[in-house]
């Protein structure tokens, strides 16, 4: 299963985004996907700042009421791992990005992002075997 970064969801809903078509085509092909609750926080905040409240409502309806979307939360153990990695990292990834990397690794999910730095950080911290 896929774990989507906020930039995928934002690009899916914002037609003005450069990656809108790629995000739209990718999400349309999925049967199911997951997001982190921190991703939900980022998406709704950015959509509220850049779009209208009704657009935020559409995003929330899509993510909350869609049975094919799982909204994940970190376990206590995963939170400890995120805190440790966040403080040790070299690239200065956001707390949300470190959370995504830990969730992807621990739950065997494929992280999908348009963020090149997040992809590099993920491969450095958790190289594929």
C-alpha atoms as a PDB file:
ATOM      1  CA  UNK A   1       0.000   0.000   0.000  1.00  0.00           C
ATOM      2  CA  UNK A   2       1.061   3.580  -0.603  1.00  0.00           C
ATOM      3  CA  UNK A   3       1.661   6.292   2.006  1.00  0.00           C
ATOM      4  CA  UNK A   4       1.100   9.693   0.390  1.00  0.00           C
ATOM      5  CA  UNK A   5       2.905  12.890   1.285  1.00  0.00           C
ATOM      6  CA  UNK A   6       0.918  16.110   1.581  1.00  0.00           C
ATOM      7  CA  UNK A   7       2.259  17.461  -1.721  1.00  0.00           C
ATOM      8  CA  UNK A   8       0.529  14.628  -3.612  1.00  0.00           C
ATOM      9  CA  UNK A   9      -2.840  15.383  -1.995  1.00  0.00           C
ATOM     10  CA  UNK A  10      -2.443  19.148  -2.443  1.00  0.00           C
ATOM     11  CA  UNK A  11      -1.502  18.753  -6.107  1.00  0.00           C
ATOM     12  CA  UNK A  12      -4.488  16.449  -6.607  1.00  0.00           C
ATOM     13  CA  UNK A  13      -6.897  19.153  -5.410  1.00  0.00           C
ATOM     14  CA  UNK A  14      -5.136  22.276  -6.706  1.00  0.00           C
ATOM     15  CA  UNK A  15      -5.303  22.455 -10.477  1.00  0.00           C
ATOM     16  CA  UNK A  16      -2.771  25.317 -10.412  1.00  0.00           C
ATOM     17  CA  UNK A  17      -0.046  23.007  -9.061  1.00  0.00           C
ATOM     18  CA  UNK A  18       2.629  21.941 -11.559  1.00  0.00           C
ATOM     19  CA  UNK A  19       2.202  18.316 -10.514  1.00  0.00           C
ATOM     20  CA  UNK A  20      -1.614  18.346 -10.607  1.00  0.00           C
ATOM     21  CA  UNK A  21      -1.966  15.983 -13.574  1.00  0.00           C
ATOM     22  CA  UNK A  22       0.597  13.529 -12.211  1.00  0.00           C
ATOM     23  CA  UNK A  23      -1.053  13.543  -8.771  1.00  0.00           C
ATOM     24  CA  UNK A  24      -4.529  13.211 -10.249  1.00  0.00           C
ATOM     25  CA  UNK A  25      -3.546  10.330 -12.534  1.00  0.00           C
ATOM     26  CA  UNK A  26      -1.698   8.541  -9.727  1.00  0.00           C
ATOM     27  CA  UNK A  27      -4.498   8.799  -7.151  1.00  0.00           C
ATOM     28  CA  UNK A  28      -7.171   7.841  -9.693  1.00  0.00           C
ATOM     29  CA  UNK A  29      -5.334   4.539 -10.307  1.00  0.00           C
ATOM     30  CA  UNK A  30      -5.206   3.602  -6.619  1.00  0.00           C
ATOM     31  CA  UNK A  31      -7.647   1.270  -4.940  1.00  0.00           C
ATOM     32  CA  UNK A  32      -6.496   2.309  -1.464  1.00  0.00           C
ATOM     33  CA  UNK A  33      -3.855   4.498   0.112  1.00  0.00           C
ATOM     34  CA  UNK A  34      -2.780   5.825   3.493  1.00  0.00           C
ATOM     35  CA  UNK A  35      -1.878   9.208   4.875  1.00  0.00           C
ATOM     36  CA  UNK A  36      -0.433  10.203   8.226  1.00  0.00           C
ATOM     37  CA  UNK A  37      -2.541  12.382  10.526  1.00  0.00           C
ATOM     38  CA  UNK A  38       0.262  14.968  10.295  1.00  0.00           C
ATOM     39  CA  UNK A  39      -0.221  14.966   6.526  1.00  0.00           C
ATOM     40  CA  UNK A  40      -3.883  15.750   7.083  1.00  0.00           C
ATOM     41  CA  UNK A  41      -2.812  18.704   9.224  1.00  0.00           C
ATOM     42  CA  UNK A  42      -0.452  19.999   6.515  1.00  0.00           C
ATOM     43  CA  UNK A  43      -2.946  19.537   3.690  1.00  0.00           C
ATOM     44  CA  UNK A  44      -5.829  21.268   5.433  1.00  0.00           C
ATOM     45  CA  UNK A  45      -3.637  24.160   6.568  1.00  0.00           C
ATOM     46  CA  UNK A  46      -2.188  24.781   3.106  1.00  0.00           C
ATOM     47  CA  UNK A  47      -5.558  24.425   1.412  1.00  0.00           C
ATOM     48  CA  UNK A  48      -7.110  26.887   3.848  1.00  0.00           C
ATOM     49  CA  UNK A  49      -4.324  29.400   3.198  1.00  0.00           C
ATOM     50  CA  UNK A  50      -4.362  29.038  -0.584  1.00  0.00           C
ATOM     51  CA  UNK A  51      -7.946  28.083  -1.392  1.00  0.00           C
ATOM     52  CA  UNK A  52     -11.424  28.506   0.080  1.00  0.00           C
ATOM     53  CA  UNK A  53     -13.031  26.889   3.091  1.00  0.00           C
ATOM     54  CA  UNK A  54     -15.302  24.924   0.759  1.00  0.00           C
ATOM     55  CA  UNK A  55     -12.195  23.495  -0.937  1.00  0.00           C
ATOM     56  CA  UNK A  56     -10.925  22.363   2.471  1.00  0.00           C
ATOM     57  CA  UNK A  57     -14.295  20.725   3.099  1.00  0.00           C
ATOM     58  CA  UNK A  58     -13.962  18.804  -0.185  1.00  0.00           C
ATOM     59  CA  UNK A  59     -10.516  17.581   0.819  1.00  0.00           C
ATOM     60  CA  UNK A  60     -11.737  16.497   4.247  1.00  0.00           C
ATOM     61  CA  UNK A  61     -14.736  14.723   2.787  1.00  0.00           C
ATOM     62  CA  UNK A  62     -12.507  12.898   0.318  1.00  0.00           C
ATOM     63  CA  UNK A  63     -10.002  11.834   2.977  1.00  0.00           C
ATOM     64  CA  UNK A  64     -12.279  11.185   5.954  1.00  0.00           C
ATOM     65  CA  UNK A  65     -15.313   9.599   4.361  1.00  0.00           C
ATOM     66  CA  UNK A  66     -13.507   7.540   1.749  1.00  0.00           C
ATOM     67  CA  UNK A  67     -13.282   3.942   3.002  1.00  0.00           C
ATOM     68  CA  UNK A  68     -10.286   3.412   0.719  1.00  0.00           C
ATOM     69  CA  UNK A  69      -8.179   5.983   2.584  1.00  0.00           C
ATOM     70  CA  UNK A  70      -6.539   5.027   5.876  1.00  0.00           C
ATOM     71  CA  UNK A  71      -5.475   7.847   8.190  1.00  0.00           C
ATOM     72  CA  UNK A  72      -2.592   6.527  10.277  1.00  0.00           C
ATOM     73  CA  UNK A  73      -1.257   7.651  13.647  1.00  0.00           C
ATOM     74  CA  UNK A  74       2.140   6.933  15.117  1.00  0.00           C
ATOM     75  CA  UNK A  75       2.313   4.380  17.897  1.00  0.00           C
ATOM     76  CA  UNK A  76       4.223   5.290  21.072  1.00  0.00           C
ATOM     77  CA  UNK A  77       7.190   3.235  19.840  1.00  0.00           C
ATOM     78  CA  UNK A  78       7.106   4.923  16.425  1.00  0.00           C
ATOM     79  CA  UNK A  79       6.907   8.346  18.085  1.00  0.00           C
ATOM     80  CA  UNK A  80      10.064   7.515  20.029  1.00  0.00           C
ATOM     81  CA  UNK A  81      11.794   6.495  16.798  1.00  0.00           C
ATOM     82  CA  UNK A  82      10.674   9.710  15.076  1.00  0.00           C
ATOM     83  CA  UNK A  83      11.950  11.866  17.937  1.00  0.00           C
ATOM     84  CA  UNK A  84      15.313  10.093  17.896  1.00  0.00           C
ATOM     85  CA  UNK A  85      15.718  10.318  14.110  1.00  0.00           C
ATOM     86  CA  UNK A  86      14.497  13.908  13.980  1.00  0.00           C
ATOM     87  CA  UNK A  87      17.239  15.006  16.359  1.00  0.00           C
ATOM     88  CA  UNK A  88      19.987  12.916  14.685  1.00  0.00           C
ATOM     89  CA  UNK A  89      19.240  13.708  11.060  1.00  0.00           C
ATOM     90  CA  UNK A  90      21.620  15.586   8.776  1.00  0.00           C
ATOM     91  CA  UNK A  91      19.205  16.914   6.094  1.00  0.00           C
ATOM     92  CA  UNK A  92      16.797  18.886   8.336  1.00  0.00           C
ATOM     93  CA  UNK A  93      13.632  17.094   7.257  1.00  0.00           C
ATOM     94  CA  UNK A  94      10.429  18.297   8.903  1.00  0.00           C
ATOM     95  CA  UNK A  95       8.925  16.360  11.793  1.00  0.00           C
ATOM     96  CA  UNK A  96       6.095  15.296   9.488  1.00  0.00           C
ATOM     97  CA  UNK A  97       8.569  14.010   6.890  1.00  0.00           C
ATOM     98  CA  UNK A  98      10.469  11.992   9.497  1.00  0.00           C
ATOM     99  CA  UNK A  99       7.119  10.601  10.679  1.00  0.00           C
ATOM    100  CA  UNK A 100       6.294   9.538   7.118  1.00  0.00           C
ATOM    101  CA  UNK A 101       9.643   7.797   6.753  1.00  0.00           C
ATOM    102  CA  UNK A 102       9.171   5.885  10.020  1.00  0.00           C
ATOM    103  CA  UNK A 103       5.592   4.894   9.168  1.00  0.00           C
ATOM    104  CA  UNK A 104       6.630   3.715   5.718  1.00  0.00           C
ATOM    105  CA  UNK A 105       9.466   1.628   7.116  1.00  0.00           C
ATOM    106  CA  UNK A 106       7.615   0.156  10.086  1.00  0.00           C
ATOM    107  CA  UNK A 107       4.389  -0.631   8.271  1.00  0.00           C
ATOM    108  CA  UNK A 108       5.914  -1.734   4.986  1.00  0.00           C
ATOM    109  CA  UNK A 109       4.332   1.097   2.993  1.00  0.00           C
ATOM    110  CA  UNK A 110       5.680   2.746  -0.127  1.00  0.00           C
ATOM    111  CA  UNK A 111       6.177   6.465   0.470  1.00  0.00           C
ATOM    112  CA  UNK A 112       5.022   8.584  -2.472  1.00  0.00           C
ATOM    113  CA  UNK A 113       6.140  12.204  -2.683  1.00  0.00           C
ATOM    114  CA  UNK A 114       7.127  14.899  -5.146  1.00  0.00           C
ATOM    115  CA  UNK A 115       9.710  16.089  -2.593  1.00  0.00           C
ATOM    116  CA  UNK A 116      13.162  15.065  -3.859  1.00  0.00           C
ATOM    117  CA  UNK A 117      14.819  15.842  -0.515  1.00  0.00           C
ATOM    118  CA  UNK A 118      12.332  13.645   1.345  1.00  0.00           C
ATOM    119  CA  UNK A 119      13.028  10.806  -1.072  1.00  0.00           C
ATOM    120  CA  UNK A 120      16.787  11.203  -0.579  1.00  0.00           C
ATOM    121  CA  UNK A 121      16.426  11.334   3.207  1.00  0.00           C
ATOM    122  CA  UNK A 122      14.235   8.255   3.208  1.00  0.00           C
ATOM    123  CA  UNK A 123      16.728   6.280   1.121  1.00  0.00           C
ATOM    124  CA  UNK A 124      19.606   7.394   3.323  1.00  0.00           C
ATOM    125  CA  UNK A 125      17.909   6.580   6.615  1.00  0.00           C
ATOM    126  CA  UNK A 126      16.255   3.373   5.442  1.00  0.00           C
ATOM    127  CA  UNK A 127      18.133   1.916   2.454  1.00  0.00           C
ATOM    128  CA  UNK A 128      16.341  -0.863   0.558  1.00  0.00           C
ATOM    129  CA  UNK A 129      17.885  -4.253   1.111  1.00  0.00           C
END
